[in-house]
Amino acid sequence: MVLLLDIALTLMALKPHKRLHFQYGLNALFSIQQASQLPCHP
């Protein structure tokens, strides 16, 4: 996850006009990560 974040931040710096697209992707990654950490049994 840290590697993906570093890559996204680098790309955001190189392509500032596409920043919103990278933010959508990062939000999706964080949502998936949080969902995978939820307990399986209530």
N, C-alpha and C. Protein backbone atom coordinates (compact mmCIF):
# COMPACT_ATOMS: atom_id res chain seq x y z
N MET A 1 0.82 -1.19 0.00
CA MET A 1 0.00 0.00 0.00
C MET A 1 0.87 1.26 0.00
N VAL A 2 1.96 1.21 0.74
CA VAL A 2 2.86 2.37 0.81
C VAL A 2 3.47 2.63 -0.57
N LEU A 3 3.83 1.58 -1.27
CA LEU A 3 4.39 1.74 -2.61
C LEU A 3 3.39 2.40 -3.55
N LEU A 4 2.14 1.96 -3.51
CA LEU A 4 1.11 2.57 -4.36
C LEU A 4 0.90 4.03 -4.01
N LEU A 5 0.94 4.35 -2.74
CA LEU A 5 0.77 5.73 -2.32
C LEU A 5 1.92 6.59 -2.84
N ASP A 6 3.14 6.09 -2.73
CA ASP A 6 4.30 6.83 -3.24
C ASP A 6 4.20 7.06 -4.74
N ILE A 7 3.78 6.04 -5.47
CA ILE A 7 3.64 6.17 -6.92
C ILE A 7 2.56 7.20 -7.26
N ALA A 8 1.44 7.12 -6.57
CA ALA A 8 0.35 8.05 -6.83
C ALA A 8 0.76 9.48 -6.53
N LEU A 9 1.46 9.69 -5.43
CA LEU A 9 1.90 11.04 -5.09
C LEU A 9 2.89 11.59 -6.11
N THR A 10 3.76 10.73 -6.61
CA THR A 10 4.71 11.14 -7.64
C THR A 10 3.98 11.52 -8.92
N LEU A 11 3.02 10.69 -9.31
CA LEU A 11 2.26 10.98 -10.52
C LEU A 11 1.42 12.24 -10.36
N MET A 12 0.89 12.46 -9.18
CA MET A 12 0.11 13.67 -8.92
C MET A 12 0.99 14.91 -9.07
N ALA A 13 2.24 14.80 -8.67
CA ALA A 13 3.16 15.92 -8.81
C ALA A 13 3.52 16.17 -10.28
N LEU A 14 3.62 15.08 -11.04
CA LEU A 14 3.98 15.21 -12.45
C LEU A 14 2.80 15.64 -13.32
N LYS A 15 1.61 15.24 -12.93
CA LYS A 15 0.40 15.52 -13.72
C LYS A 15 -0.65 16.20 -12.83
N PRO A 16 -0.44 17.43 -12.45
CA PRO A 16 -1.37 18.09 -11.52
C PRO A 16 -2.79 18.22 -12.07
N HIS A 17 -2.94 18.27 -13.39
CA HIS A 17 -4.28 18.39 -13.96
C HIS A 17 -5.08 17.10 -13.83
N LYS A 18 -4.44 16.00 -13.48
CA LYS A 18 -5.13 14.71 -13.29
C LYS A 18 -5.21 14.33 -11.81
N ARG A 19 -4.94 15.28 -10.95
CA ARG A 19 -4.92 15.02 -9.51
C ARG A 19 -6.22 14.41 -9.01
N LEU A 20 -7.34 14.91 -9.50
CA LEU A 20 -8.64 14.42 -9.05
C LEU A 20 -8.80 12.94 -9.36
N HIS A 21 -8.32 12.50 -10.52
CA HIS A 21 -8.41 11.08 -10.89
C HIS A 21 -7.57 10.22 -9.94
N PHE A 22 -6.38 10.68 -9.60
CA PHE A 22 -5.54 9.93 -8.67
C PHE A 22 -6.17 9.88 -7.29
N GLN A 23 -6.81 10.96 -6.88
CA GLN A 23 -7.47 10.99 -5.57
C GLN A 23 -8.62 9.99 -5.52
N TYR A 24 -9.38 9.87 -6.61
CA TYR A 24 -10.45 8.88 -6.67
C TYR A 24 -9.88 7.47 -6.49
N GLY A 25 -8.78 7.20 -7.16
CA GLY A 25 -8.15 5.89 -7.05
C GLY A 25 -7.63 5.61 -5.65
N LEU A 26 -7.01 6.61 -5.04
CA LEU A 26 -6.50 6.43 -3.68
C LEU A 26 -7.65 6.21 -2.69
N ASN A 27 -8.73 6.95 -2.86
CA ASN A 27 -9.89 6.75 -1.99
C ASN A 27 -10.43 5.33 -2.13
N ALA A 28 -10.46 4.82 -3.34
CA ALA A 28 -10.93 3.45 -3.57
C ALA A 28 -10.00 2.45 -2.89
N LEU A 29 -8.69 2.66 -3.00
CA LEU A 29 -7.73 1.76 -2.35
C LEU A 29 -7.90 1.76 -0.83
N PHE A 30 -8.07 2.95 -0.26
CA PHE A 30 -8.23 3.04 1.19
C PHE A 30 -9.53 2.39 1.63
N SER A 31 -10.58 2.52 0.84
CA SER A 31 -11.86 1.89 1.17
C SER A 31 -11.73 0.37 1.15
N ILE A 32 -11.04 -0.15 0.15
CA ILE A 32 -10.82 -1.60 0.06
C ILE A 32 -9.99 -2.08 1.24
N GLN A 33 -8.96 -1.32 1.59
CA GLN A 33 -8.11 -1.70 2.71
C GLN A 33 -8.91 -1.73 4.01
N GLN A 34 -9.73 -0.72 4.24
CA GLN A 34 -10.53 -0.67 5.46
C GLN A 34 -11.55 -1.82 5.49
N ALA A 35 -12.16 -2.12 4.37
CA ALA A 35 -13.14 -3.20 4.31
C ALA A 35 -12.48 -4.55 4.59
N SER A 36 -11.25 -4.71 4.15
CA SER A 36 -10.56 -5.99 4.36
C SER A 36 -10.12 -6.16 5.82
N GLN A 37 -10.10 -5.10 6.58
CA GLN A 37 -9.70 -5.18 7.98
C GLN A 37 -10.88 -5.34 8.93
N LEU A 38 -12.11 -5.35 8.40
CA LEU A 38 -13.27 -5.53 9.24
C LEU A 38 -13.33 -6.96 9.75
N PRO A 39 -13.83 -7.18 10.95
CA PRO A 39 -13.95 -8.55 11.46
C PRO A 39 -14.98 -9.34 10.64
N CYS A 40 -14.72 -10.62 10.50
CA CYS A 40 -15.61 -11.48 9.69
C CYS A 40 -16.88 -11.84 10.44
N HIS A 41 -16.79 -11.96 11.75
CA HIS A 41 -17.94 -12.39 12.55
C HIS A 41 -18.33 -11.28 13.51
N PRO A 42 -19.63 -10.97 13.57
CA PRO A 42 -20.08 -9.91 14.48
C PRO A 42 -19.97 -10.29 15.93
